[in-house]
Amino acid sequence: MPGYALDVRALTKRIGNRAIVEDVSFHVEKGEIFGLLGPNGAGKTTIIRMIVSLIKRSSGSVMINGHDLDEDFVRAMNEVGAIVENPEFYAYLSGRKNLRHYGRMALANVGEERMKEVIELVGLEEAIEDKVATYSLGMRQRLGVAQAILHKPSLLILDEPTNGLDPQGIREIRDYLKKLASEGTSVLVSSHLLSEMQLMCDRFAIIDKGKMVQILTLNEEPDSEAYPVEFEVSSADRAAEAIIGRYPDLNVKRIHEHRISFEAKRGDVAELNALLVNNQIQVYEITPMRATLEDRFLELTNREKKESSV
């Protein structure tokens, strides 16, 4: 669809009879940070390499900002900036000279004003005249992002951009990507780090053994899905009695004299709180015990493994 920055459909890569990536489909909205999450060897890099045509697809289609990769390759790829695996530069040249070199290869004219803009964006103003040989890994990653966005791509693709970075470098890369997305650039990023996906992405796809397991929205909490919740109250016994009196099928557990737990849907929590208050039971705290991203990831990948072994 032309409304998507990236639209991937039924992407498949086979080597002989073995499927490295099988029937992967997803899309990236404009201005969205979309993640490919999975363990090392899950197929994330293979998916990215097919999208940017570093390796040939066995089947499937790729649309980049409305341009079909097969029918309009040059225009499609001109919409993309990418770092696949580690960014490579001429170590004996300065950061600025490296950027000028890559700028000359772009279809669009990359002038000094644009160069200054991206250098400031990635925070390399003080080191841009130094040789890349003196750069830390984090600085090289930032220079890689600068190189990838020189020609103002609509889609930025980064393969494990935080690999090897210290916590400060990871945070800096994350902040740069959020800034780019807020300005309209779409970002596709791969990682095996669950915590980073949670902090960085709007949505992410779980990839396991070359297959798409599920696409999740981080901030989405379906109203129809029950999850454990704990209430801290003035009297656990009275609270349990009031709730069971209204909802006899609800399994209310008494944790201690001031805390109870049970499973409830999002829309029911407020109603249960009102029920307790109306029965003169003070409610001090309500704590949803939702599964963490790690819990959900392990649940989904383990389910996939069990189903494939049947």
Protein backbone atom coordinates (compact mmCIF):
# COMPACT_ATOMS: atom_id res chain seq x y z
CA MET A 1 0.00 0.00 0.00
CA PRO A 2 1.36 3.47 -0.83
CA GLY A 3 0.45 4.66 2.66
CA TYR A 4 3.15 2.47 4.22
CA ALA A 5 6.85 3.32 4.39
CA LEU A 6 7.53 -0.41 4.03
CA ASP A 7 5.19 -3.23 3.05
CA VAL A 8 6.66 -6.75 3.12
CA ARG A 9 4.51 -9.64 1.95
CA ALA A 10 5.20 -13.40 2.14
CA LEU A 11 8.97 -12.89 2.21
CA THR A 12 10.73 -16.24 1.88
CA LYS A 13 14.34 -17.36 1.53
CA ARG A 14 15.18 -20.98 0.79
CA ILE A 15 18.56 -22.64 0.40
CA GLY A 16 17.96 -26.02 -1.15
CA ASN A 17 15.09 -27.62 0.76
CA ARG A 18 15.70 -25.54 3.87
CA ALA A 19 13.62 -22.44 4.61
CA ILE A 20 15.80 -19.77 6.25
CA VAL A 21 12.91 -17.29 6.26
CA GLU A 22 9.37 -18.43 5.55
CA ASP A 23 6.27 -16.40 4.64
CA VAL A 24 7.09 -13.26 6.65
CA SER A 25 4.68 -10.33 6.20
CA PHE A 26 4.54 -6.97 7.99
CA HIS A 27 4.34 -3.25 7.30
CA VAL A 28 5.92 -0.13 8.77
CA GLU A 29 3.81 3.00 9.13
CA LYS A 30 5.20 6.42 8.26
CA GLY A 31 6.96 7.93 11.28
CA GLU A 32 6.91 4.60 13.15
CA ILE A 33 9.74 2.67 14.80
CA PHE A 34 9.08 -0.99 14.02
CA GLY A 35 11.21 -3.75 15.50
CA LEU A 36 12.22 -7.23 14.45
CA LEU A 37 12.75 -9.08 17.72
CA GLY A 38 14.22 -12.53 17.99
CA PRO A 39 17.18 -14.55 19.27
CA ASN A 40 20.45 -14.64 17.35
CA GLY A 41 20.01 -16.83 14.27
CA ALA A 42 16.24 -16.26 14.10
CA GLY A 43 16.44 -14.80 10.58
CA LYS A 44 16.28 -11.06 11.32
CA THR A 45 19.40 -10.13 9.35
CA THR A 46 18.31 -12.34 6.44
CA ILE A 47 14.99 -10.48 6.30
CA ILE A 48 16.77 -7.12 6.29
CA ARG A 49 19.29 -8.23 3.65
CA MET A 50 16.41 -9.29 1.39
CA ILE A 51 14.61 -5.98 1.90
CA VAL A 52 17.70 -4.00 0.82
CA SER A 53 18.54 -6.52 -1.95
CA LEU A 54 21.86 -7.67 -0.53
CA ILE A 55 20.60 -11.21 -1.08
CA LYS A 56 17.95 -12.51 -3.46
CA ARG A 57 14.46 -13.40 -2.27
CA SER A 58 13.12 -16.86 -3.08
CA SER A 59 9.62 -15.37 -3.14
CA GLY A 60 7.59 -12.51 -1.75
CA SER A 61 7.33 -8.80 -2.45
CA VAL A 62 8.75 -5.59 -0.99
CA MET A 63 7.18 -2.15 -1.41
CA ILE A 64 9.10 0.89 -0.16
CA ASN A 65 7.08 4.10 0.07
CA GLY A 66 4.85 2.87 -2.75
CA HIS A 67 7.69 1.70 -5.03
CA ASP A 68 7.89 -2.00 -5.88
CA LEU A 69 11.45 -3.24 -5.36
CA ASP A 70 11.24 -5.46 -8.44
CA GLU A 71 9.65 -2.97 -10.81
CA ASP A 72 11.24 0.30 -9.66
CA PHE A 73 14.46 -0.70 -7.90
CA VAL A 74 16.35 2.62 -8.12
CA ARG A 75 13.52 4.78 -6.79
CA ALA A 76 12.66 2.23 -4.11
CA MET A 77 16.24 2.03 -2.83
CA ASN A 78 16.64 5.80 -2.95
CA GLU A 79 13.97 5.91 -0.20
CA VAL A 80 16.19 3.78 2.08
CA GLY A 81 19.08 4.47 4.40
CA ALA A 82 20.55 1.36 6.02
CA ILE A 83 23.21 -0.07 8.28
CA VAL A 84 23.38 -3.84 7.91
CA GLU A 85 25.64 -5.39 10.54
CA ASN A 86 28.52 -2.99 11.38
CA PRO A 87 28.97 0.38 9.63
CA GLU A 88 32.21 0.51 7.62
CA PHE A 89 34.25 3.67 6.99
CA TYR A 90 37.67 4.70 5.76
CA ALA A 91 39.55 4.77 9.05
CA TYR A 92 42.31 7.09 7.76
CA LEU A 93 39.77 9.78 6.78
CA SER A 94 37.92 12.13 9.11
CA GLY A 95 34.26 11.67 9.86
CA ARG A 96 33.42 14.65 7.66
CA LYS A 97 35.41 13.34 4.68
CA ASN A 98 33.69 9.97 5.01
CA LEU A 99 30.29 11.65 4.94
CA ARG A 100 31.27 13.71 1.89
CA HIS A 101 32.35 10.54 0.11
CA TYR A 102 29.01 8.84 0.78
CA GLY A 103 27.13 12.03 -0.04
CA ARG A 104 28.62 12.07 -3.55
CA MET A 105 27.14 8.60 -4.18
CA ALA A 106 23.55 9.70 -3.40
CA LEU A 107 21.08 10.46 -6.16
CA ALA A 108 19.95 13.59 -4.30
CA ASN A 109 22.32 16.51 -3.92
CA VAL A 110 23.89 16.44 -0.44
CA GLY A 111 25.33 19.86 0.37
CA GLU A 112 27.31 21.20 3.31
CA GLU A 113 24.14 22.46 4.99
CA ARG A 114 22.66 18.95 5.04
CA MET A 115 26.01 17.59 6.25
CA LYS A 116 25.99 20.03 9.16
CA GLU A 117 22.39 19.11 9.97
CA VAL A 118 23.05 15.38 10.30
CA ILE A 119 26.31 15.89 12.21
CA GLU A 120 24.43 17.94 14.79
CA LEU A 121 21.58 15.42 14.88
CA VAL A 122 23.90 12.57 15.89
CA GLY A 123 26.01 14.74 18.19
CA LEU A 124 29.39 14.44 16.45
CA GLU A 125 30.21 18.14 16.11
CA GLU A 126 33.32 17.95 18.30
CA ALA A 127 34.76 14.79 16.68
CA ILE A 128 33.77 15.20 13.04
CA GLU A 129 37.24 16.43 11.95
CA ASP A 130 39.02 13.54 13.72
CA LYS A 131 40.04 10.39 11.88
CA VAL A 132 37.52 7.57 12.18
CA ALA A 133 40.37 5.37 13.45
CA THR A 134 40.15 7.30 16.73
CA TYR A 135 36.38 6.83 17.10
CA SER A 136 34.83 4.60 19.74
CA LEU A 137 32.28 1.98 18.68
CA GLY A 138 29.46 4.26 19.77
CA MET A 139 30.83 7.15 17.71
CA ARG A 140 31.11 4.88 14.66
CA GLN A 141 27.49 3.85 15.12
CA ARG A 142 26.45 7.50 15.28
CA LEU A 143 28.48 8.26 12.16
CA GLY A 144 26.74 5.28 10.53
CA VAL A 145 23.34 6.76 11.30
CA ALA A 146 24.52 10.12 9.89
CA GLN A 147 25.69 8.42 6.68
CA ALA A 148 22.43 6.48 6.36
CA ILE A 149 20.22 9.58 6.62
CA LEU A 150 22.34 11.97 4.51
CA HIS A 151 20.02 11.76 1.51
CA LYS A 152 16.86 12.19 3.66
CA PRO A 153 15.47 8.66 3.25
CA SER A 154 11.86 7.99 4.18
CA LEU A 155 12.90 4.63 5.67
CA LEU A 156 15.90 3.94 7.92
CA ILE A 157 16.87 0.28 8.40
CA LEU A 158 19.27 -0.67 11.19
CA ASP A 159 20.46 -4.20 11.97
CA GLU A 160 21.33 -4.59 15.67
CA PRO A 161 22.41 -0.92 16.03
CA THR A 162 23.17 -1.19 19.75
CA ASN A 163 25.49 -4.22 19.54
CA GLY A 164 28.63 -3.65 21.58
CA LEU A 165 27.55 -0.25 22.91
CA ASP A 166 27.74 0.78 26.55
CA PRO A 167 24.53 1.92 28.29
CA GLN A 168 25.20 5.58 27.42
CA GLY A 169 25.74 4.74 23.74
CA ILE A 170 22.59 2.61 23.65
CA ARG A 171 20.54 5.44 25.09
CA GLU A 172 22.01 7.94 22.62
CA ILE A 173 21.15 5.75 19.61
CA ARG A 174 17.65 5.22 20.98
CA ASP A 175 17.14 8.95 21.44
CA TYR A 176 18.38 9.70 17.89
CA LEU A 177 15.95 7.18 16.40
CA LYS A 178 13.01 8.60 18.35
CA LYS A 179 13.93 12.10 17.16
CA LEU A 180 14.07 10.92 13.54
CA ALA A 181 10.70 9.18 13.87
CA SER A 182 9.14 12.30 15.39
CA GLU A 183 10.28 14.20 12.28
CA GLY A 184 8.61 11.69 9.95
CA THR A 185 11.33 9.15 9.18
CA SER A 186 10.19 5.53 9.50
CA VAL A 187 12.61 3.15 11.21
CA LEU A 188 12.97 -0.62 10.94
CA VAL A 189 15.34 -1.93 13.60
CA SER A 190 16.33 -5.46 14.56
CA SER A 191 17.50 -6.60 17.97
CA HIS A 192 17.69 -9.57 20.29
CA LEU A 193 17.50 -7.25 23.31
CA LEU A 194 13.97 -7.35 24.74
CA SER A 195 14.45 -4.33 26.97
CA GLU A 196 15.62 -2.18 24.05
CA MET A 197 12.59 -3.06 21.94
CA GLN A 198 10.34 -2.10 24.83
CA LEU A 199 11.99 1.31 25.16
CA MET A 200 12.47 2.04 21.46
CA CYS A 201 9.67 0.65 19.30
CA ASP A 202 6.03 1.47 18.65
CA ARG A 203 5.38 -2.07 17.40
CA PHE A 204 7.53 -5.14 16.93
CA ALA A 205 7.37 -8.51 15.24
CA ILE A 206 8.64 -11.59 17.03
CA ILE A 207 10.76 -13.70 14.67
CA ASP A 208 11.74 -17.26 15.59
CA LYS A 209 13.41 -19.81 13.34
CA GLY A 210 12.69 -17.71 10.25
CA LYS A 211 8.96 -17.43 10.93
CA MET A 212 6.76 -14.58 12.08
CA VAL A 213 5.34 -15.56 15.46
CA GLN A 214 3.28 -12.46 16.22
CA ILE A 215 3.18 -8.68 15.83
CA LEU A 216 2.64 -6.81 19.09
CA THR A 217 1.95 -3.21 20.01
CA LEU A 218 3.78 -2.31 23.19
CA ASN A 219 1.20 0.06 24.64
CA GLU A 220 -1.76 -2.02 23.62
CA GLU A 221 -3.68 -3.74 26.39
CA PRO A 222 -6.79 -5.44 24.98
CA ASP A 223 -9.92 -4.83 27.03
CA SER A 224 -11.05 -8.38 26.31
CA GLU A 225 -7.95 -10.00 27.84
CA ALA A 226 -7.98 -10.87 31.56
CA TYR A 227 -4.77 -10.42 33.53
CA PRO A 228 -3.80 -10.82 37.21
CA VAL A 229 -4.40 -7.78 39.41
CA GLU A 230 -3.71 -7.16 43.10
CA PHE A 231 -5.72 -4.90 45.40
CA GLU A 232 -4.30 -3.54 48.66
CA VAL A 233 -7.31 -2.97 50.92
CA SER A 234 -8.25 -2.26 54.53
CA SER A 235 -9.54 -5.83 54.97
CA ALA A 236 -8.76 -8.71 52.62
CA ASP A 237 -11.51 -10.89 54.12
CA ARG A 238 -14.23 -8.28 53.68
CA ALA A 239 -13.00 -7.41 50.17
CA ALA A 240 -13.00 -11.05 49.08
CA GLU A 241 -16.50 -11.52 50.54
CA ALA A 242 -17.86 -8.46 48.71
CA ILE A 243 -16.35 -9.48 45.36
CA ILE A 244 -17.42 -13.13 45.57
CA GLY A 245 -20.91 -12.02 46.61
CA ARG A 246 -21.23 -10.10 43.33
CA TYR A 247 -19.08 -12.41 41.17
CA PRO A 248 -19.26 -15.95 42.61
CA ASP A 249 -17.21 -17.46 39.78
CA LEU A 250 -14.25 -15.13 40.32
CA ASN A 251 -11.28 -16.89 41.94
CA VAL A 252 -10.19 -14.39 44.62
CA LYS A 253 -6.95 -15.24 46.45
CA ARG A 254 -6.12 -13.78 49.87
CA ILE A 255 -2.39 -12.95 49.85
CA HIS A 256 -2.36 -11.53 53.39
CA GLU A 257 -4.73 -9.54 55.59
CA HIS A 258 -4.55 -6.42 53.42
CA ARG A 259 -4.00 -7.80 49.91
CA ILE A 260 -6.05 -9.90 47.48
CA SER A 261 -5.50 -10.97 43.88
CA PHE A 262 -7.62 -12.27 41.02
CA GLU A 263 -7.80 -12.14 37.22
CA ALA A 264 -9.92 -9.41 35.65
CA LYS A 265 -10.39 -7.64 32.36
CA ARG A 266 -9.27 -4.04 32.07
CA GLY A 267 -12.85 -2.76 31.94
CA ASP A 268 -13.77 -4.68 35.13
CA VAL A 269 -11.07 -3.21 37.38
CA ALA A 270 -12.80 0.15 37.86
CA GLU A 271 -16.12 -1.59 38.56
CA LEU A 272 -14.54 -3.83 41.21
CA ASN A 273 -12.87 -0.83 42.81
CA ALA A 274 -16.23 0.96 42.99
CA LEU A 275 -17.80 -2.17 44.50
CA LEU A 276 -15.27 -2.22 47.33
CA VAL A 277 -15.58 1.52 48.01
CA ASN A 278 -19.40 1.23 48.12
CA ASN A 279 -18.99 -1.49 50.76
CA GLN A 280 -16.89 0.87 52.94
CA ILE A 281 -13.68 -1.02 52.14
CA GLN A 282 -10.73 1.29 51.63
CA VAL A 283 -8.61 0.63 48.53
CA TYR A 284 -5.01 1.80 48.94
CA GLU A 285 -3.43 0.44 45.79
CA ILE A 286 -4.31 -1.42 42.58
CA THR A 287 -1.41 -3.23 40.90
CA PRO A 288 -1.82 -4.87 37.48
CA MET A 289 0.46 -7.91 37.23
CA ARG A 290 0.71 -7.94 33.44
CA ALA A 291 3.25 -10.16 31.78
CA THR A 292 6.50 -8.45 30.92
CA LEU A 293 7.75 -8.28 27.37
CA GLU A 294 10.16 -11.08 28.26
CA ASP A 295 7.32 -13.26 29.57
CA ARG A 296 5.27 -12.70 26.41
CA PHE A 297 8.26 -13.34 24.16
CA LEU A 298 9.12 -16.62 25.87
CA GLU A 299 5.47 -17.70 25.92
CA LEU A 300 5.05 -17.08 22.20
CA THR A 301 8.35 -18.66 21.09
CA ASN A 302 7.89 -21.67 23.37
CA ARG A 303 4.34 -22.14 22.05
CA GLU A 304 5.73 -22.09 18.50
CA LYS A 305 8.32 -24.74 19.41
CA LYS A 306 5.70 -26.99 21.04
CA GLU A 307 3.36 -26.69 18.05
CA SER A 308 6.14 -27.46 15.54
CA SER A 309 7.17 -30.58 17.49
CA VAL A 310 3.66 -32.05 17.44
